[in-house]
N, C-alpha and C. Protein backbone atom coordinates (compact mmCIF):
# COMPACT_ATOMS: atom_id res chain seq x y z
N MET A 1 149.38 -59.27 -42.01
CA MET A 1 150.15 -59.75 -43.13
C MET A 1 149.18 -60.18 -44.24
N ALA A 2 149.54 -59.88 -45.43
CA ALA A 2 148.69 -60.18 -46.58
C ALA A 2 148.77 -61.63 -47.03
N PHE A 3 149.77 -62.35 -46.57
CA PHE A 3 149.97 -63.72 -47.02
C PHE A 3 149.44 -64.70 -45.99
N PRO A 4 148.76 -65.76 -46.45
CA PRO A 4 148.24 -66.75 -45.50
C PRO A 4 149.37 -67.53 -44.84
N VAL A 5 149.11 -67.97 -43.62
CA VAL A 5 150.08 -68.75 -42.87
C VAL A 5 149.64 -70.20 -42.90
N SER A 6 150.51 -71.07 -43.40
CA SER A 6 150.17 -72.49 -43.48
C SER A 6 150.43 -73.17 -42.14
N ALA A 7 149.83 -74.33 -41.97
CA ALA A 7 150.06 -75.11 -40.76
C ALA A 7 151.53 -75.49 -40.64
N ALA A 8 152.16 -75.81 -41.77
CA ALA A 8 153.58 -76.20 -41.74
C ALA A 8 154.45 -75.04 -41.28
N LEU A 9 154.17 -73.82 -41.75
CA LEU A 9 154.95 -72.67 -41.34
C LEU A 9 154.77 -72.40 -39.85
N LEU A 10 153.55 -72.51 -39.37
CA LEU A 10 153.29 -72.30 -37.95
C LEU A 10 153.98 -73.37 -37.12
N ASP A 11 153.94 -74.62 -37.57
CA ASP A 11 154.66 -75.69 -36.87
C ASP A 11 156.15 -75.38 -36.80
N ALA A 12 156.71 -74.95 -37.92
CA ALA A 12 158.15 -74.65 -37.98
C ALA A 12 158.51 -73.52 -37.02
N ILE A 13 157.69 -72.49 -36.97
CA ILE A 13 157.97 -71.36 -36.07
C ILE A 13 157.90 -71.80 -34.62
N VAL A 14 156.87 -72.56 -34.27
CA VAL A 14 156.73 -73.04 -32.88
C VAL A 14 157.90 -73.94 -32.52
N LEU A 15 158.28 -74.86 -33.39
CA LEU A 15 159.41 -75.74 -33.10
C LEU A 15 160.70 -74.94 -32.92
N ALA A 16 160.90 -73.92 -33.74
CA ALA A 16 162.11 -73.09 -33.62
C ALA A 16 162.13 -72.35 -32.29
N ILE A 17 160.99 -71.87 -31.85
CA ILE A 17 160.91 -71.16 -30.56
C ILE A 17 161.18 -72.11 -29.41
N VAL A 18 160.55 -73.27 -29.44
CA VAL A 18 160.73 -74.23 -28.34
C VAL A 18 162.13 -74.82 -28.35
N ALA A 19 162.76 -74.89 -29.53
CA ALA A 19 164.12 -75.43 -29.61
C ALA A 19 165.11 -74.55 -28.86
N ARG A 20 164.83 -73.25 -28.77
CA ARG A 20 165.72 -72.34 -28.04
C ARG A 20 165.77 -72.67 -26.56
N GLU A 21 164.60 -72.99 -25.99
CA GLU A 21 164.50 -73.33 -24.57
C GLU A 21 163.12 -73.92 -24.31
N GLY A 22 163.03 -74.80 -23.32
CA GLY A 22 161.73 -75.29 -22.89
C GLY A 22 160.92 -74.11 -22.38
N THR A 23 159.69 -73.99 -22.82
CA THR A 23 158.90 -72.82 -22.45
C THR A 23 157.42 -73.19 -22.39
N TYR A 24 156.61 -72.28 -21.92
CA TYR A 24 155.19 -72.55 -21.71
C TYR A 24 154.35 -71.84 -22.78
N GLY A 25 153.09 -72.27 -22.86
CA GLY A 25 152.21 -71.84 -23.94
C GLY A 25 152.07 -70.34 -24.12
N TYR A 26 151.82 -69.61 -23.05
CA TYR A 26 151.63 -68.16 -23.17
C TYR A 26 152.89 -67.49 -23.72
N LYS A 27 154.05 -67.92 -23.26
CA LYS A 27 155.32 -67.36 -23.73
C LYS A 27 155.54 -67.69 -25.20
N ILE A 28 155.17 -68.91 -25.60
CA ILE A 28 155.28 -69.29 -27.01
C ILE A 28 154.40 -68.36 -27.85
N THR A 29 153.18 -68.12 -27.38
CA THR A 29 152.27 -67.21 -28.09
C THR A 29 152.89 -65.84 -28.25
N GLN A 30 153.47 -65.32 -27.18
CA GLN A 30 154.09 -63.99 -27.24
C GLN A 30 155.27 -63.97 -28.22
N ASP A 31 156.05 -65.02 -28.23
CA ASP A 31 157.19 -65.09 -29.15
C ASP A 31 156.73 -65.18 -30.61
N VAL A 32 155.69 -65.98 -30.86
CA VAL A 32 155.15 -66.08 -32.22
C VAL A 32 154.59 -64.73 -32.66
N ARG A 33 153.96 -64.01 -31.74
CA ARG A 33 153.39 -62.69 -32.07
C ARG A 33 154.45 -61.67 -32.47
N GLN A 34 155.72 -61.96 -32.20
CA GLN A 34 156.78 -61.08 -32.66
C GLN A 34 156.90 -61.09 -34.19
N VAL A 35 156.43 -62.18 -34.82
CA VAL A 35 156.54 -62.29 -36.27
C VAL A 35 155.20 -62.38 -37.00
N MET A 36 154.12 -62.69 -36.26
CA MET A 36 152.79 -62.75 -36.89
C MET A 36 151.71 -62.62 -35.83
N ASP A 37 150.55 -62.23 -36.27
CA ASP A 37 149.41 -62.09 -35.36
C ASP A 37 148.79 -63.47 -35.16
N ILE A 38 148.75 -63.92 -33.93
CA ILE A 38 148.20 -65.23 -33.61
C ILE A 38 147.53 -65.16 -32.24
N SER A 39 146.46 -65.92 -32.08
CA SER A 39 145.78 -65.97 -30.80
C SER A 39 146.15 -67.26 -30.07
N GLU A 40 145.93 -67.26 -28.77
CA GLU A 40 146.19 -68.48 -28.01
C GLU A 40 145.30 -69.62 -28.50
N SER A 41 144.09 -69.29 -28.93
CA SER A 41 143.17 -70.34 -29.41
C SER A 41 143.68 -70.97 -30.71
N THR A 42 144.52 -70.28 -31.44
CA THR A 42 145.15 -70.85 -32.63
C THR A 42 146.38 -71.67 -32.26
N LEU A 43 147.10 -71.20 -31.26
CA LEU A 43 148.36 -71.85 -30.90
C LEU A 43 148.17 -73.21 -30.24
N TYR A 44 147.21 -73.32 -29.33
CA TYR A 44 147.11 -74.57 -28.57
C TYR A 44 146.81 -75.80 -29.43
N PRO A 45 146.00 -75.70 -30.48
CA PRO A 45 145.88 -76.87 -31.38
C PRO A 45 147.20 -77.24 -32.05
N VAL A 46 148.02 -76.23 -32.36
CA VAL A 46 149.34 -76.50 -32.93
C VAL A 46 150.19 -77.28 -31.93
N LEU A 47 150.19 -76.83 -30.68
CA LEU A 47 150.95 -77.54 -29.65
C LEU A 47 150.45 -78.97 -29.48
N ARG A 48 149.13 -79.16 -29.48
CA ARG A 48 148.57 -80.52 -29.34
C ARG A 48 148.99 -81.40 -30.52
N ARG A 49 148.96 -80.83 -31.73
CA ARG A 49 149.36 -81.60 -32.91
C ARG A 49 150.83 -82.01 -32.82
N LEU A 50 151.69 -81.08 -32.39
CA LEU A 50 153.12 -81.38 -32.27
C LEU A 50 153.40 -82.37 -31.14
N LEU A 51 152.60 -82.33 -30.09
CA LEU A 51 152.71 -83.33 -29.03
C LEU A 51 152.31 -84.71 -29.55
N LYS A 52 151.20 -84.74 -30.27
CA LYS A 52 150.67 -86.01 -30.77
C LYS A 52 151.63 -86.70 -31.73
N ASP A 53 152.31 -85.89 -32.56
CA ASP A 53 153.23 -86.53 -33.53
C ASP A 53 154.63 -86.76 -32.96
N GLY A 54 154.82 -86.45 -31.67
CA GLY A 54 156.09 -86.74 -31.02
C GLY A 54 157.16 -85.68 -31.22
N SER A 55 156.79 -84.51 -31.75
CA SER A 55 157.77 -83.44 -31.95
C SER A 55 158.05 -82.67 -30.68
N LEU A 56 157.09 -82.67 -29.77
CA LEU A 56 157.23 -82.00 -28.48
C LEU A 56 156.88 -82.95 -27.36
N SER A 57 157.40 -82.65 -26.18
CA SER A 57 156.99 -83.33 -24.96
C SER A 57 156.70 -82.24 -23.94
N THR A 58 156.08 -82.62 -22.84
CA THR A 58 155.74 -81.63 -21.81
C THR A 58 156.22 -82.08 -20.45
N TYR A 59 156.35 -81.11 -19.58
CA TYR A 59 156.56 -81.37 -18.16
C TYR A 59 155.89 -80.23 -17.41
N ASP A 60 155.47 -80.51 -16.20
CA ASP A 60 154.79 -79.51 -15.38
C ASP A 60 155.73 -79.00 -14.31
N GLN A 61 155.59 -77.72 -13.99
CA GLN A 61 156.42 -77.10 -12.96
C GLN A 61 155.55 -76.13 -12.16
N ALA A 62 155.71 -76.17 -10.84
CA ALA A 62 154.98 -75.24 -9.98
C ALA A 62 155.65 -73.87 -10.02
N ILE A 63 154.85 -72.86 -10.32
CA ILE A 63 155.33 -71.47 -10.37
C ILE A 63 154.33 -70.64 -9.57
N ALA A 64 154.79 -70.02 -8.48
CA ALA A 64 153.94 -69.15 -7.64
C ALA A 64 152.64 -69.85 -7.25
N GLY A 65 152.74 -71.10 -6.86
CA GLY A 65 151.57 -71.83 -6.40
C GLY A 65 150.68 -72.40 -7.48
N ARG A 66 151.05 -72.22 -8.74
CA ARG A 66 150.27 -72.76 -9.85
C ARG A 66 151.15 -73.71 -10.66
N ILE A 67 150.49 -74.66 -11.29
CA ILE A 67 151.21 -75.60 -12.15
C ILE A 67 151.24 -75.02 -13.57
N ARG A 68 152.44 -74.92 -14.12
CA ARG A 68 152.61 -74.41 -15.49
C ARG A 68 153.15 -75.56 -16.34
N ARG A 69 152.52 -75.77 -17.50
CA ARG A 69 152.96 -76.81 -18.43
C ARG A 69 154.01 -76.24 -19.37
N TYR A 70 155.16 -76.88 -19.38
CA TYR A 70 156.26 -76.48 -20.25
C TYR A 70 156.37 -77.45 -21.41
N TYR A 71 156.78 -76.93 -22.54
CA TYR A 71 156.98 -77.71 -23.75
C TYR A 71 158.47 -77.74 -24.07
N GLN A 72 158.93 -78.91 -24.51
CA GLN A 72 160.31 -79.03 -24.95
C GLN A 72 160.33 -79.85 -26.23
N ILE A 73 161.32 -79.57 -27.05
CA ILE A 73 161.42 -80.25 -28.34
C ILE A 73 162.07 -81.62 -28.14
N THR A 74 161.64 -82.58 -28.92
CA THR A 74 162.19 -83.94 -28.87
C THR A 74 163.17 -84.12 -30.03
N SER A 75 163.83 -85.26 -30.06
CA SER A 75 164.75 -85.54 -31.17
C SER A 75 163.96 -85.59 -32.49
N ASN A 76 162.74 -86.13 -32.45
CA ASN A 76 161.87 -86.13 -33.63
C ASN A 76 161.55 -84.70 -34.05
N GLY A 77 161.29 -83.83 -33.08
CA GLY A 77 161.00 -82.43 -33.36
C GLY A 77 162.20 -81.71 -33.96
N LEU A 78 163.40 -82.02 -33.46
CA LEU A 78 164.62 -81.41 -34.01
C LEU A 78 164.83 -81.83 -35.47
N ALA A 79 164.57 -83.11 -35.76
CA ALA A 79 164.69 -83.58 -37.14
C ALA A 79 163.67 -82.88 -38.03
N LYS A 80 162.46 -82.74 -37.52
CA LYS A 80 161.40 -82.06 -38.28
C LYS A 80 161.77 -80.59 -38.50
N LEU A 81 162.31 -79.94 -37.47
CA LEU A 81 162.72 -78.55 -37.59
C LEU A 81 163.84 -78.40 -38.62
N ASP A 82 164.80 -79.30 -38.62
CA ASP A 82 165.88 -79.26 -39.63
C ASP A 82 165.30 -79.37 -41.04
N ALA A 83 164.32 -80.25 -41.22
CA ALA A 83 163.68 -80.40 -42.54
C ALA A 83 162.94 -79.12 -42.92
N TYR A 84 162.22 -78.54 -41.96
CA TYR A 84 161.52 -77.28 -42.23
C TYR A 84 162.50 -76.17 -42.60
N ARG A 85 163.62 -76.11 -41.91
CA ARG A 85 164.62 -75.08 -42.22
C ARG A 85 165.17 -75.25 -43.64
N SER A 86 165.45 -76.48 -44.03
CA SER A 86 165.93 -76.74 -45.39
C SER A 86 164.88 -76.36 -46.43
N ASP A 87 163.63 -76.76 -46.17
CA ASP A 87 162.54 -76.41 -47.08
C ASP A 87 162.35 -74.90 -47.15
N TRP A 88 162.52 -74.22 -46.01
CA TRP A 88 162.34 -72.77 -45.98
C TRP A 88 163.37 -72.07 -46.88
N VAL A 89 164.59 -72.52 -46.83
CA VAL A 89 165.64 -71.89 -47.65
C VAL A 89 165.28 -72.02 -49.14
N VAL A 90 164.85 -73.19 -49.55
CA VAL A 90 164.47 -73.40 -50.95
C VAL A 90 163.28 -72.51 -51.31
N PHE A 91 162.26 -72.50 -50.44
CA PHE A 91 161.06 -71.70 -50.68
C PHE A 91 161.41 -70.21 -50.74
N ARG A 92 162.15 -69.74 -49.75
CA ARG A 92 162.52 -68.31 -49.69
C ARG A 92 163.30 -67.90 -50.94
N ASN A 93 164.25 -68.72 -51.34
CA ASN A 93 165.04 -68.40 -52.53
C ASN A 93 164.19 -68.38 -53.79
N SER A 94 163.25 -69.31 -53.90
CA SER A 94 162.35 -69.34 -55.06
C SER A 94 161.48 -68.09 -55.12
N ILE A 95 160.92 -67.71 -54.00
CA ILE A 95 160.07 -66.51 -53.94
C ILE A 95 160.90 -65.26 -54.19
N GLU A 96 162.08 -65.22 -53.63
CA GLU A 96 162.96 -64.05 -53.80
C GLU A 96 163.31 -63.83 -55.27
N GLN A 97 163.42 -64.90 -56.03
CA GLN A 97 163.71 -64.77 -57.47
C GLN A 97 162.59 -64.03 -58.19
N VAL A 98 161.37 -64.22 -57.72
CA VAL A 98 160.23 -63.58 -58.37
C VAL A 98 159.92 -62.22 -57.74
N LEU A 99 159.87 -62.15 -56.43
CA LEU A 99 159.46 -60.93 -55.74
C LEU A 99 160.62 -60.03 -55.34
N GLY A 100 161.83 -60.53 -55.45
CA GLY A 100 163.00 -59.78 -55.00
C GLY A 100 163.16 -58.46 -55.74
N GLY A 101 164.28 -57.88 -55.57
CA GLY A 101 164.54 -56.57 -56.16
C GLY A 101 164.39 -56.55 -57.67
N ARG A 102 164.20 -55.36 -58.19
CA ARG A 102 164.08 -55.17 -59.63
C ARG A 102 165.48 -55.03 -60.22
N GLU A 103 165.64 -55.55 -61.38
CA GLU A 103 166.90 -55.37 -62.10
C GLU A 103 166.76 -54.18 -63.00
N ASP A 104 167.69 -53.25 -62.91
CA ASP A 104 167.67 -52.09 -63.78
C ASP A 104 168.19 -52.49 -65.16
N LYS A 105 167.48 -52.05 -66.17
CA LYS A 105 167.88 -52.37 -67.54
C LYS A 105 168.28 -51.12 -68.27
């Protein structure tokens, strides 16, 4: 993608993915990769930041003899996601006014 990805946009995408269901880091990475190129080394600092600010919480679950850390969104995270969604609509509409379709004259 030619456009840079901000920390806020990445936070919003991760929160939206985790809001669908509690999930683990690798799966979150795969879901984010559906919309942008991202590495696990980029994602885990995002998860740590969202944990630190109370937007996410974790729980561990044994899967096939291994412990897997799952992430789930908190009420603080849901409020943050709602704010990001509102901001996104305003941003998208503003950009669409400039970059959107051409008007025939």
